[in-house]
Amino acid sequence: MPTARPRILLLNASLAGDDGNTAVILTRARRRIARRATVESVTLAVPPASPSRAGSSTFTPELRAALGRADAFLFGTGTHWDSWSSVLQKFLEDATPAEGTAIWLGKPAAVVVSEHSTGGKGVLSRLQGVLVTLGCTLPPMSGLVLSRAALAAAKHDRAAARDFWCEADLGIVCHNLAEAARLTLKDARAAAPRWRHWPVDRRDFRARWIA
């Protein structure tokens, strides 16, 4: 009997959408992951020629279905003023009602962040924290920051550049994510983990609480 392949969803949360540096990283990640898993991709940014969706939810039924199908996730974002993209912020806000549901619960997640020079590590750590709170798990060595400054430094001082994340490290992130997804699948076939979540306000979380 052939071994089931896990399904991994790549979420491009870059402001530049399919034209940015994050898209390049995710394309290279996809090639690595596709050797061991079925890969689906979603770009959260609205193309410039598309009608504006300002005020509307990014958590569409189609995206919700894609998240539900996935066994694991790889998030990608740029760095903007020490934070992730506004596209990703809106997605996380719109996804709030799904906190602690089967969409996220127990599913492995990895994160790749692009930056020009600084700020990316803080983005990576904070985003990993948010994903854990939504219900995801983090495989070991499942996040990295690719920096324009680090890539430039590597051309001039290879020894010093060893202390920075490089594109070769992307292979480690992809391997560990696919491995975690595979183990989750295996466990699910044997005895599904009985994850618990804390109480979540699903009715009044947007209510005004200051009189």
N, C-alpha and C. Protein backbone atom coordinates (compact mmCIF):
# COMPACT_ATOMS: atom_id res chain seq x y z
N MET A 1 0.85 -1.19 0.00
CA MET A 1 0.00 0.00 0.00
C MET A 1 0.89 1.25 0.00
N PRO A 2 0.65 2.21 -0.94
CA PRO A 2 1.49 3.41 -0.97
C PRO A 2 1.30 4.25 0.27
N THR A 3 2.40 4.88 0.69
CA THR A 3 2.36 5.74 1.87
C THR A 3 1.64 7.03 1.55
N ALA A 4 0.72 7.43 2.43
CA ALA A 4 -0.02 8.67 2.22
C ALA A 4 0.93 9.86 2.29
N ARG A 5 0.72 10.81 1.40
CA ARG A 5 1.54 12.02 1.40
C ARG A 5 0.79 13.12 2.16
N PRO A 6 1.49 13.78 3.08
CA PRO A 6 0.85 14.90 3.78
C PRO A 6 0.58 16.05 2.82
N ARG A 7 -0.37 16.90 3.19
CA ARG A 7 -0.72 18.07 2.38
C ARG A 7 -0.24 19.32 3.12
N ILE A 8 0.59 20.08 2.45
CA ILE A 8 1.17 21.27 3.07
C ILE A 8 0.73 22.51 2.29
N LEU A 9 0.22 23.49 3.01
CA LEU A 9 -0.26 24.74 2.41
C LEU A 9 0.77 25.84 2.61
N LEU A 10 1.18 26.47 1.51
CA LEU A 10 2.09 27.61 1.54
C LEU A 10 1.25 28.88 1.48
N LEU A 11 1.42 29.76 2.46
CA LEU A 11 0.67 31.02 2.50
C LEU A 11 1.63 32.18 2.28
N ASN A 12 1.52 32.81 1.12
CA ASN A 12 2.34 33.97 0.78
C ASN A 12 1.62 35.21 1.30
N ALA A 13 2.16 35.79 2.39
CA ALA A 13 1.54 36.96 3.00
C ALA A 13 2.35 38.22 2.71
N SER A 14 3.10 38.23 1.64
CA SER A 14 3.91 39.38 1.27
C SER A 14 3.04 40.48 0.67
N LEU A 15 3.41 41.73 0.92
CA LEU A 15 2.71 42.85 0.28
C LEU A 15 2.85 42.80 -1.23
N ALA A 16 3.99 42.29 -1.69
CA ALA A 16 4.26 42.24 -3.14
C ALA A 16 3.62 41.04 -3.80
N GLY A 17 2.96 40.19 -3.04
CA GLY A 17 2.28 39.05 -3.64
C GLY A 17 3.23 38.12 -4.36
N ASP A 18 2.86 37.76 -5.57
CA ASP A 18 3.66 36.80 -6.34
C ASP A 18 4.90 37.42 -6.98
N ASP A 19 5.10 38.73 -6.80
CA ASP A 19 6.23 39.40 -7.44
C ASP A 19 7.37 39.75 -6.48
N GLY A 20 7.24 39.40 -5.21
CA GLY A 20 8.21 39.84 -4.23
C GLY A 20 9.26 38.80 -3.88
N ASN A 21 10.16 39.19 -2.99
CA ASN A 21 11.22 38.30 -2.53
C ASN A 21 10.67 37.10 -1.78
N THR A 22 9.61 37.30 -1.00
CA THR A 22 9.00 36.19 -0.28
C THR A 22 8.48 35.14 -1.24
N ALA A 23 7.93 35.58 -2.37
CA ALA A 23 7.43 34.63 -3.37
C ALA A 23 8.56 33.77 -3.92
N VAL A 24 9.73 34.36 -4.10
CA VAL A 24 10.88 33.59 -4.59
C VAL A 24 11.27 32.52 -3.57
N ILE A 25 11.31 32.92 -2.29
CA ILE A 25 11.66 31.96 -1.24
C ILE A 25 10.65 30.81 -1.21
N LEU A 26 9.36 31.15 -1.30
CA LEU A 26 8.33 30.12 -1.22
C LEU A 26 8.35 29.21 -2.45
N THR A 27 8.70 29.75 -3.61
CA THR A 27 8.83 28.92 -4.81
C THR A 27 9.94 27.90 -4.63
N ARG A 28 11.04 28.32 -4.05
CA ARG A 28 12.15 27.39 -3.81
C ARG A 28 11.80 26.39 -2.71
N ALA A 29 11.04 26.86 -1.73
CA ALA A 29 10.58 25.94 -0.69
C ALA A 29 9.63 24.91 -1.27
N ARG A 30 8.77 25.34 -2.17
CA ARG A 30 7.80 24.42 -2.77
C ARG A 30 8.51 23.26 -3.47
N ARG A 31 9.59 23.57 -4.20
CA ARG A 31 10.33 22.51 -4.90
C ARG A 31 10.88 21.48 -3.92
N ARG A 32 11.33 21.95 -2.77
CA ARG A 32 11.87 21.03 -1.77
C ARG A 32 10.76 20.20 -1.13
N ILE A 33 9.67 20.86 -0.77
CA ILE A 33 8.59 20.17 -0.07
C ILE A 33 7.87 19.18 -0.97
N ALA A 34 7.77 19.52 -2.26
CA ALA A 34 7.01 18.67 -3.20
C ALA A 34 7.61 17.28 -3.34
N ARG A 35 8.85 17.09 -2.94
CA ARG A 35 9.44 15.75 -3.00
C ARG A 35 8.80 14.81 -1.99
N ARG A 36 8.20 15.39 -0.94
CA ARG A 36 7.70 14.55 0.15
C ARG A 36 6.24 14.82 0.51
N ALA A 37 5.63 15.82 -0.12
CA ALA A 37 4.26 16.16 0.26
C ALA A 37 3.52 16.75 -0.93
N THR A 38 2.21 16.75 -0.85
CA THR A 38 1.37 17.44 -1.82
C THR A 38 1.27 18.90 -1.39
N VAL A 39 1.59 19.81 -2.30
CA VAL A 39 1.70 21.22 -1.94
C VAL A 39 0.59 22.03 -2.61
N GLU A 40 -0.01 22.91 -1.82
CA GLU A 40 -0.98 23.88 -2.32
C GLU A 40 -0.49 25.26 -1.91
N SER A 41 -0.74 26.27 -2.74
CA SER A 41 -0.26 27.62 -2.44
C SER A 41 -1.41 28.62 -2.47
N VAL A 42 -1.32 29.61 -1.58
CA VAL A 42 -2.29 30.70 -1.53
C VAL A 42 -1.53 32.01 -1.39
N THR A 43 -1.89 33.01 -2.19
CA THR A 43 -1.33 34.34 -2.08
C THR A 43 -2.39 35.26 -1.49
N LEU A 44 -2.09 35.87 -0.34
CA LEU A 44 -3.09 36.66 0.36
C LEU A 44 -3.27 38.06 -0.20
N ALA A 45 -2.22 38.62 -0.80
CA ALA A 45 -2.30 40.00 -1.30
C ALA A 45 -3.24 40.07 -2.50
N VAL A 46 -3.96 41.19 -2.59
CA VAL A 46 -4.84 41.42 -3.73
C VAL A 46 -4.02 41.99 -4.88
N PRO A 47 -4.08 41.39 -6.09
CA PRO A 47 -3.34 41.96 -7.22
C PRO A 47 -3.76 43.40 -7.48
N PRO A 48 -2.83 44.26 -7.92
CA PRO A 48 -3.14 45.68 -8.13
C PRO A 48 -4.34 45.91 -9.03
N ALA A 49 -4.54 45.05 -10.03
CA ALA A 49 -5.63 45.25 -10.99
C ALA A 49 -6.98 44.78 -10.44
N SER A 50 -6.98 44.12 -9.30
CA SER A 50 -8.22 43.59 -8.75
C SER A 50 -8.97 44.65 -7.97
N PRO A 51 -10.29 44.51 -7.88
CA PRO A 51 -11.06 45.44 -7.04
C PRO A 51 -10.60 45.36 -5.60
N SER A 52 -10.60 46.47 -4.92
CA SER A 52 -10.17 46.50 -3.53
C SER A 52 -11.11 45.70 -2.66
N ARG A 53 -10.52 44.97 -1.71
CA ARG A 53 -11.33 44.23 -0.75
C ARG A 53 -11.25 44.86 0.63
N ALA A 54 -10.94 46.15 0.65
CA ALA A 54 -10.82 46.84 1.93
C ALA A 54 -12.10 46.67 2.75
N GLY A 55 -11.94 46.24 3.98
CA GLY A 55 -13.10 46.07 4.84
C GLY A 55 -13.72 44.69 4.76
N SER A 56 -13.43 43.94 3.71
CA SER A 56 -13.98 42.60 3.60
C SER A 56 -13.02 41.60 4.23
N SER A 57 -13.54 40.42 4.57
CA SER A 57 -12.73 39.43 5.25
C SER A 57 -11.83 38.70 4.26
N THR A 58 -10.58 38.47 4.69
CA THR A 58 -9.67 37.64 3.89
C THR A 58 -9.90 36.17 4.16
N PHE A 59 -10.65 35.86 5.22
CA PHE A 59 -10.88 34.48 5.63
C PHE A 59 -12.09 33.94 4.86
N THR A 60 -11.90 33.80 3.56
CA THR A 60 -12.99 33.40 2.67
C THR A 60 -13.28 31.91 2.83
N PRO A 61 -14.45 31.46 2.37
CA PRO A 61 -14.75 30.02 2.42
C PRO A 61 -13.71 29.19 1.67
N GLU A 62 -13.19 29.72 0.55
CA GLU A 62 -12.18 28.99 -0.22
C GLU A 62 -10.88 28.84 0.58
N LEU A 63 -10.47 29.92 1.24
CA LEU A 63 -9.25 29.86 2.03
C LEU A 63 -9.45 28.98 3.26
N ARG A 64 -10.60 29.09 3.86
CA ARG A 64 -10.91 28.25 5.02
C ARG A 64 -10.85 26.77 4.64
N ALA A 65 -11.36 26.44 3.45
CA ALA A 65 -11.33 25.05 2.99
C ALA A 65 -9.90 24.59 2.75
N ALA A 66 -9.07 25.46 2.17
CA ALA A 66 -7.66 25.11 1.92
C ALA A 66 -6.92 24.88 3.24
N LEU A 67 -7.18 25.72 4.22
CA LEU A 67 -6.57 25.54 5.54
C LEU A 67 -7.03 24.23 6.17
N GLY A 68 -8.30 23.91 5.99
CA GLY A 68 -8.83 22.68 6.55
C GLY A 68 -8.24 21.44 5.91
N ARG A 69 -7.97 21.51 4.60
CA ARG A 69 -7.39 20.35 3.89
C ARG A 69 -5.95 20.09 4.30
N ALA A 70 -5.25 21.14 4.69
CA ALA A 70 -3.81 21.04 4.94
C ALA A 70 -3.51 20.26 6.21
N ASP A 71 -2.39 19.55 6.16
CA ASP A 71 -1.85 18.88 7.35
C ASP A 71 -0.77 19.72 8.03
N ALA A 72 -0.26 20.74 7.30
CA ALA A 72 0.79 21.60 7.83
C ALA A 72 0.81 22.89 7.01
N PHE A 73 1.49 23.90 7.55
CA PHE A 73 1.52 25.22 6.90
C PHE A 73 2.94 25.77 6.84
N LEU A 74 3.21 26.53 5.76
CA LEU A 74 4.42 27.33 5.67
C LEU A 74 3.99 28.76 5.37
N PHE A 75 4.26 29.67 6.32
CA PHE A 75 3.92 31.08 6.16
C PHE A 75 5.14 31.85 5.68
N GLY A 76 4.92 32.80 4.77
CA GLY A 76 5.98 33.67 4.31
C GLY A 76 5.54 35.12 4.35
N THR A 77 6.40 36.01 4.86
CA THR A 77 6.08 37.44 4.92
C THR A 77 7.35 38.25 4.81
N GLY A 78 7.21 39.49 4.40
CA GLY A 78 8.31 40.44 4.45
C GLY A 78 8.36 41.10 5.82
N THR A 79 9.31 42.02 6.00
CA THR A 79 9.46 42.77 7.25
C THR A 79 9.17 44.24 6.97
N HIS A 80 8.24 44.81 7.72
CA HIS A 80 7.83 46.20 7.52
C HIS A 80 7.77 46.90 8.86
N TRP A 81 8.72 47.79 9.12
CA TRP A 81 8.77 48.55 10.36
C TRP A 81 8.69 47.60 11.56
N ASP A 82 9.58 46.60 11.55
CA ASP A 82 9.70 45.64 12.64
C ASP A 82 8.47 44.76 12.82
N SER A 83 7.67 44.62 11.78
CA SER A 83 6.49 43.77 11.89
C SER A 83 6.25 43.04 10.58
N TRP A 84 5.27 42.15 10.59
CA TRP A 84 4.90 41.45 9.36
C TRP A 84 4.02 42.34 8.51
N SER A 85 3.63 41.86 7.36
CA SER A 85 2.87 42.69 6.41
C SER A 85 1.47 42.98 6.93
N SER A 86 0.89 44.06 6.45
CA SER A 86 -0.49 44.39 6.79
C SER A 86 -1.44 43.32 6.25
N VAL A 87 -1.06 42.68 5.16
CA VAL A 87 -1.86 41.59 4.59
C VAL A 87 -1.97 40.45 5.60
N LEU A 88 -0.83 40.09 6.21
CA LEU A 88 -0.84 39.02 7.18
C LEU A 88 -1.58 39.44 8.45
N GLN A 89 -1.42 40.69 8.87
CA GLN A 89 -2.12 41.17 10.06
C GLN A 89 -3.63 41.04 9.89
N LYS A 90 -4.12 41.44 8.72
CA LYS A 90 -5.57 41.36 8.48
C LYS A 90 -6.02 39.90 8.45
N PHE A 91 -5.22 39.04 7.85
CA PHE A 91 -5.57 37.62 7.81
C PHE A 91 -5.69 37.06 9.23
N LEU A 92 -4.72 37.39 10.09
CA LEU A 92 -4.74 36.87 11.46
C LEU A 92 -5.95 37.40 12.22
N GLU A 93 -6.29 38.67 11.99
CA GLU A 93 -7.47 39.23 12.64
C GLU A 93 -8.74 38.56 12.15
N ASP A 94 -8.84 38.34 10.85
CA ASP A 94 -10.02 37.70 10.29
C ASP A 94 -10.13 36.23 10.71
N ALA A 95 -8.99 35.60 10.99
CA ALA A 95 -8.98 34.19 11.37
C ALA A 95 -9.25 33.97 12.85
N THR A 96 -9.40 35.06 13.61
CA THR A 96 -9.58 34.94 15.06
C THR A 96 -10.70 33.98 15.46
N PRO A 97 -11.86 34.00 14.80
CA PRO A 97 -12.92 33.07 15.21
C PRO A 97 -12.54 31.59 15.09
N ALA A 98 -11.51 31.28 14.32
CA ALA A 98 -11.11 29.89 14.12
C ALA A 98 -10.05 29.44 15.13
N GLU A 99 -9.68 30.31 16.07
CA GLU A 99 -8.68 29.95 17.08
C GLU A 99 -9.09 28.67 17.80
N GLY A 100 -8.16 27.72 17.89
CA GLY A 100 -8.41 26.50 18.65
C GLY A 100 -9.32 25.50 17.96
N THR A 101 -9.64 25.72 16.68
CA THR A 101 -10.48 24.77 15.96
C THR A 101 -9.62 23.77 15.19
N ALA A 102 -10.27 22.80 14.57
CA ALA A 102 -9.55 21.75 13.83
C ALA A 102 -8.76 22.30 12.65
N ILE A 103 -9.06 23.51 12.21
CA ILE A 103 -8.28 24.13 11.13
C ILE A 103 -6.81 24.22 11.51
N TRP A 104 -6.54 24.52 12.77
CA TRP A 104 -5.17 24.73 13.24
C TRP A 104 -4.68 23.67 14.20
N LEU A 105 -5.55 23.10 14.99
CA LEU A 105 -5.17 22.38 16.19
C LEU A 105 -4.24 21.19 15.90
N GLY A 106 -3.01 21.30 16.43
CA GLY A 106 -2.03 20.23 16.31
C GLY A 106 -1.29 20.16 14.99
N LYS A 107 -1.59 21.08 14.06
CA LYS A 107 -0.94 21.04 12.75
C LYS A 107 0.41 21.76 12.80
N PRO A 108 1.47 21.17 12.25
CA PRO A 108 2.79 21.82 12.25
C PRO A 108 2.79 23.07 11.36
N ALA A 109 3.54 24.07 11.78
CA ALA A 109 3.67 25.31 11.01
C ALA A 109 5.12 25.75 10.99
N ALA A 110 5.55 26.27 9.85
CA ALA A 110 6.88 26.84 9.70
C ALA A 110 6.73 28.26 9.16
N VAL A 111 7.79 29.07 9.33
CA VAL A 111 7.74 30.48 8.94
C VAL A 111 9.03 30.87 8.25
N VAL A 112 8.91 31.58 7.12
CA VAL A 112 10.07 32.20 6.48
C VAL A 112 9.80 33.69 6.36
N VAL A 113 10.81 34.49 6.71
CA VAL A 113 10.68 35.95 6.71
C VAL A 113 11.79 36.54 5.85
N SER A 114 11.45 37.49 5.01
CA SER A 114 12.47 38.23 4.25
C SER A 114 12.62 39.62 4.86
N GLU A 115 13.84 40.15 4.81
CA GLU A 115 14.10 41.48 5.34
C GLU A 115 15.25 42.11 4.55
N HIS A 116 15.31 43.42 4.58
CA HIS A 116 16.45 44.11 3.98
C HIS A 116 17.67 44.03 4.88
N SER A 117 17.50 44.41 6.15
CA SER A 117 18.67 44.45 7.03
C SER A 117 18.36 44.00 8.45
N THR A 118 17.29 44.53 9.07
CA THR A 118 17.01 44.22 10.47
C THR A 118 15.51 44.05 10.70
N GLY A 119 15.17 43.51 11.87
CA GLY A 119 13.77 43.41 12.28
C GLY A 119 13.13 42.06 12.05
N GLY A 120 13.71 41.26 11.18
CA GLY A 120 13.07 40.01 10.78
C GLY A 120 12.99 38.97 11.88
N LYS A 121 14.02 38.90 12.75
CA LYS A 121 14.01 37.89 13.80
C LYS A 121 12.86 38.13 14.78
N GLY A 122 12.58 39.38 15.09
CA GLY A 122 11.45 39.68 15.96
C GLY A 122 10.14 39.28 15.32
N VAL A 123 10.02 39.51 14.01
CA VAL A 123 8.83 39.11 13.27
C VAL A 123 8.65 37.60 13.33
N LEU A 124 9.74 36.88 13.09
CA LEU A 124 9.70 35.41 13.12
C LEU A 124 9.23 34.90 14.48
N SER A 125 9.85 35.37 15.54
CA SER A 125 9.52 34.88 16.88
C SER A 125 8.09 35.20 17.27
N ARG A 126 7.65 36.41 16.97
CA ARG A 126 6.28 36.79 17.34
C ARG A 126 5.24 36.02 16.53
N LEU A 127 5.52 35.80 15.25
CA LEU A 127 4.58 35.07 14.42
C LEU A 127 4.49 33.61 14.86
N GLN A 128 5.61 33.02 15.23
CA GLN A 128 5.57 31.66 15.76
C GLN A 128 4.71 31.60 17.01
N GLY A 129 4.80 32.62 17.85
CA GLY A 129 3.97 32.66 19.04
C GLY A 129 2.49 32.74 18.72
N VAL A 130 2.13 33.53 17.72
CA VAL A 130 0.73 33.65 17.31
C VAL A 130 0.21 32.31 16.77
N LEU A 131 1.02 31.64 15.97
CA LEU A 131 0.60 30.37 15.38
C LEU A 131 0.38 29.30 16.45
N VAL A 132 1.23 29.30 17.47
CA VAL A 132 1.04 28.36 18.58
C VAL A 132 -0.27 28.67 19.30
N THR A 133 -0.57 29.96 19.48
CA THR A 133 -1.80 30.34 20.16
C THR A 133 -3.03 29.96 19.34
N LEU A 134 -2.94 30.06 18.02
CA LEU A 134 -4.05 29.62 17.17
C LEU A 134 -4.30 28.13 17.33
N GLY A 135 -3.22 27.37 17.62
CA GLY A 135 -3.38 25.93 17.81
C GLY A 135 -2.34 25.08 17.11
N CYS A 136 -1.43 25.72 16.38
CA CYS A 136 -0.42 24.97 15.63
C CYS A 136 0.71 24.48 16.54
N THR A 137 1.49 23.55 16.02
CA THR A 137 2.71 23.13 16.68
C THR A 137 3.90 23.61 15.86
N LEU A 138 5.07 23.70 16.49
CA LEU A 138 6.28 24.14 15.80
C LEU A 138 7.30 23.01 15.76
N PRO A 139 7.66 22.54 14.57
CA PRO A 139 8.75 21.57 14.48
C PRO A 139 10.08 22.24 14.85
N PRO A 140 11.11 21.47 15.17
CA PRO A 140 12.42 22.08 15.45
C PRO A 140 13.00 22.74 14.20
N MET A 141 13.74 23.81 14.40
CA MET A 141 14.40 24.50 13.29
C MET A 141 13.43 24.78 12.14
N SER A 142 12.27 25.36 12.48
CA SER A 142 11.23 25.53 11.46
C SER A 142 10.96 26.99 11.12
N GLY A 143 11.95 27.85 11.36
CA GLY A 143 11.79 29.24 10.98
C GLY A 143 13.13 29.85 10.62
N LEU A 144 13.11 30.76 9.65
CA LEU A 144 14.35 31.45 9.30
C LEU A 144 14.05 32.82 8.71
N VAL A 145 15.06 33.66 8.74
CA VAL A 145 14.98 35.00 8.15
C VAL A 145 16.05 35.10 7.07
N LEU A 146 15.65 35.42 5.86
CA LEU A 146 16.62 35.65 4.79
C LEU A 146 16.77 37.15 4.60
N SER A 147 18.00 37.63 4.79
CA SER A 147 18.28 39.05 4.81
C SER A 147 19.10 39.46 3.59
N ARG A 148 18.71 40.58 2.99
CA ARG A 148 19.50 41.13 1.89
C ARG A 148 20.91 41.47 2.36
N ALA A 149 21.01 42.01 3.57
CA ALA A 149 22.31 42.38 4.11
C ALA A 149 23.19 41.14 4.32
N ALA A 150 22.60 40.04 4.80
CA ALA A 150 23.38 38.81 5.04
C ALA A 150 23.85 38.20 3.73
N LEU A 151 22.99 38.22 2.71
CA LEU A 151 23.38 37.67 1.41
C LEU A 151 24.52 38.49 0.80
N ALA A 152 24.46 39.81 0.99
CA ALA A 152 25.53 40.67 0.48
C ALA A 152 26.82 40.41 1.24
N ALA A 153 26.72 40.23 2.56
CA ALA A 153 27.91 39.98 3.38
C ALA A 153 28.58 38.67 2.99
N ALA A 154 27.76 37.68 2.62
CA ALA A 154 28.29 36.36 2.28
C ALA A 154 29.21 36.42 1.06
N LYS A 155 29.00 37.39 0.18
CA LYS A 155 29.82 37.51 -1.01
C LYS A 155 31.22 38.02 -0.67
N HIS A 156 31.36 38.67 0.47
CA HIS A 156 32.64 39.29 0.83
C HIS A 156 33.36 38.57 1.97
N ASP A 157 32.61 37.86 2.81
CA ASP A 157 33.24 37.19 3.95
C ASP A 157 32.45 35.93 4.28
N ARG A 158 32.82 34.84 3.64
CA ARG A 158 32.08 33.58 3.80
C ARG A 158 32.14 33.07 5.24
N ALA A 159 33.27 33.25 5.90
CA ALA A 159 33.41 32.76 7.27
C ALA A 159 32.44 33.48 8.20
N ALA A 160 32.39 34.81 8.09
CA ALA A 160 31.50 35.58 8.95
C ALA A 160 30.03 35.27 8.63
N ALA A 161 29.74 34.99 7.36
CA ALA A 161 28.36 34.76 6.94
C ALA A 161 27.79 33.46 7.49
N ARG A 162 28.65 32.57 8.01
CA ARG A 162 28.14 31.31 8.57
C ARG A 162 27.27 31.53 9.78
N ASP A 163 27.38 32.69 10.38
CA ASP A 163 26.58 32.99 11.56
C ASP A 163 25.20 33.53 11.20
N PHE A 164 24.93 33.70 9.90
CA PHE A 164 23.64 34.20 9.44
C PHE A 164 22.87 33.06 8.78
N TRP A 165 21.53 33.18 8.79
CA TRP A 165 20.74 32.26 7.98
C TRP A 165 21.08 32.47 6.51
N CYS A 166 21.09 31.37 5.78
CA CYS A 166 21.33 31.44 4.34
C CYS A 166 20.29 30.57 3.64
N GLU A 167 20.29 30.60 2.31
CA GLU A 167 19.27 29.86 1.57
C GLU A 167 19.38 28.35 1.80
N ALA A 168 20.59 27.86 2.07
CA ALA A 168 20.74 26.42 2.33
C ALA A 168 19.92 26.00 3.56
N ASP A 169 19.74 26.91 4.50
CA ASP A 169 18.96 26.60 5.70
C ASP A 169 17.48 26.39 5.38
N LEU A 170 17.05 26.91 4.25
CA LEU A 170 15.66 26.70 3.84
C LEU A 170 15.37 25.22 3.68
N GLY A 171 16.36 24.46 3.23
CA GLY A 171 16.19 23.02 3.09
C GLY A 171 15.90 22.35 4.42
N ILE A 172 16.52 22.85 5.49
CA ILE A 172 16.29 22.29 6.82
C ILE A 172 14.86 22.58 7.27
N VAL A 173 14.42 23.81 7.07
CA VAL A 173 13.05 24.20 7.45
C VAL A 173 12.03 23.33 6.71
N CYS A 174 12.23 23.16 5.40
CA CYS A 174 11.29 22.38 4.59
C CYS A 174 11.30 20.91 5.00
N HIS A 175 12.49 20.37 5.24
CA HIS A 175 12.60 18.97 5.66
C HIS A 175 11.86 18.75 6.98
N ASN A 176 12.11 19.61 7.96
CA ASN A 176 11.52 19.42 9.28
C ASN A 176 10.00 19.59 9.25
N LEU A 177 9.52 20.53 8.42
CA LEU A 177 8.07 20.71 8.29
C LEU A 177 7.43 19.47 7.67
N ALA A 178 8.02 18.96 6.59
CA ALA A 178 7.48 17.76 5.93
C ALA A 178 7.55 16.56 6.87
N GLU A 179 8.63 16.47 7.65
CA GLU A 179 8.77 15.35 8.58
C GLU A 179 7.70 15.43 9.68
N ALA A 180 7.47 16.62 10.20
CA ALA A 180 6.44 16.79 11.23
C ALA A 180 5.05 16.47 10.67
N ALA A 181 4.80 16.89 9.42
CA ALA A 181 3.51 16.58 8.80
C ALA A 181 3.35 15.08 8.60
N ARG A 182 4.43 14.42 8.22
CA ARG A 182 4.37 12.96 8.03
C ARG A 182 4.07 12.26 9.35
N LEU A 183 4.72 12.67 10.41
CA LEU A 183 4.50 12.05 11.71
C LEU A 183 3.08 12.32 12.21
N THR A 184 2.57 13.51 11.92
CA THR A 184 1.20 13.83 12.31
C THR A 184 0.22 12.92 11.59
N LEU A 185 0.47 12.68 10.30
CA LEU A 185 -0.37 11.77 9.53
C LEU A 185 -0.33 10.37 10.11
N LYS A 186 0.86 9.91 10.42
CA LYS A 186 1.04 8.57 10.97
C LYS A 186 0.30 8.43 12.30
N ASP A 187 0.44 9.44 13.16
CA ASP A 187 -0.23 9.40 14.44
C ASP A 187 -1.75 9.44 14.28
N ALA A 188 -2.19 10.21 13.28
CA ALA A 188 -3.63 10.35 13.07
C ALA A 188 -4.24 9.03 12.63
N ARG A 189 -3.49 8.23 11.85
CA ARG A 189 -4.02 6.94 11.41
C ARG A 189 -4.06 5.94 12.57
N ALA A 190 -3.10 6.05 13.47
CA ALA A 190 -3.03 5.11 14.59
C ALA A 190 -4.00 5.53 15.69
N ALA A 191 -3.75 6.62 16.31
CA ALA A 191 -4.62 7.15 17.37
C ALA A 191 -4.48 8.66 17.36
N ALA A 192 -5.50 9.34 16.90
CA ALA A 192 -5.43 10.79 16.76
C ALA A 192 -5.16 11.46 18.10
N PRO A 193 -4.22 12.40 18.17
CA PRO A 193 -3.96 13.12 19.42
C PRO A 193 -5.23 13.83 19.88
N ARG A 194 -5.50 13.77 21.14
CA ARG A 194 -6.69 14.43 21.69
C ARG A 194 -6.29 15.77 22.26
N TRP A 195 -6.05 16.73 21.37
CA TRP A 195 -5.63 18.05 21.79
C TRP A 195 -6.75 18.75 22.54
N ARG A 196 -6.40 19.59 23.47
CA ARG A 196 -7.36 20.42 24.18
C ARG A 196 -7.07 21.88 23.89
N HIS A 197 -8.09 22.72 23.95
CA HIS A 197 -7.87 24.16 23.83
C HIS A 197 -8.60 24.87 24.96
N TRP A 198 -8.07 26.03 25.33
CA TRP A 198 -8.71 26.79 26.39
C TRP A 198 -9.99 27.43 25.87
N PRO A 199 -10.84 27.92 26.78
CA PRO A 199 -12.09 28.55 26.34
C PRO A 199 -11.82 29.74 25.43
N VAL A 200 -12.58 29.84 24.36
CA VAL A 200 -12.42 30.92 23.39
C VAL A 200 -13.75 31.64 23.24
N ASP A 201 -13.71 32.97 23.34
CA ASP A 201 -14.92 33.78 23.16
C ASP A 201 -15.23 33.85 21.67
N ARG A 202 -16.23 33.14 21.22
CA ARG A 202 -16.56 33.12 19.79
C ARG A 202 -17.76 34.03 19.45
N ARG A 203 -18.31 34.71 20.46
CA ARG A 203 -19.47 35.56 20.21
C ARG A 203 -19.16 37.04 20.35
N ASP A 204 -18.41 37.41 21.41
CA ASP A 204 -18.27 38.83 21.74
C ASP A 204 -16.84 39.33 21.69
N PHE A 205 -15.94 38.65 20.94
CA PHE A 205 -14.55 39.08 20.99
C PHE A 205 -14.35 40.44 20.32
N ARG A 206 -15.32 40.90 19.51
CA ARG A 206 -15.20 42.23 18.90
C ARG A 206 -15.98 43.31 19.68
N ALA A 207 -16.60 42.88 20.77
CA ALA A 207 -17.45 43.83 21.52
C ALA A 207 -16.61 44.92 22.17
N ARG A 208 -17.16 46.10 22.28
CA ARG A 208 -16.49 47.20 22.98
C ARG A 208 -16.60 46.97 24.47
N TRP A 209 -15.47 47.07 25.18
CA TRP A 209 -15.47 46.79 26.61
C TRP A 209 -15.10 48.01 27.45
N ILE A 210 -14.88 49.16 26.81
CA ILE A 210 -14.65 50.42 27.54
C ILE A 210 -15.93 51.24 27.47
N ALA A 211 -16.46 51.62 28.63
CA ALA A 211 -17.74 52.35 28.67
C ALA A 211 -17.55 53.76 28.14
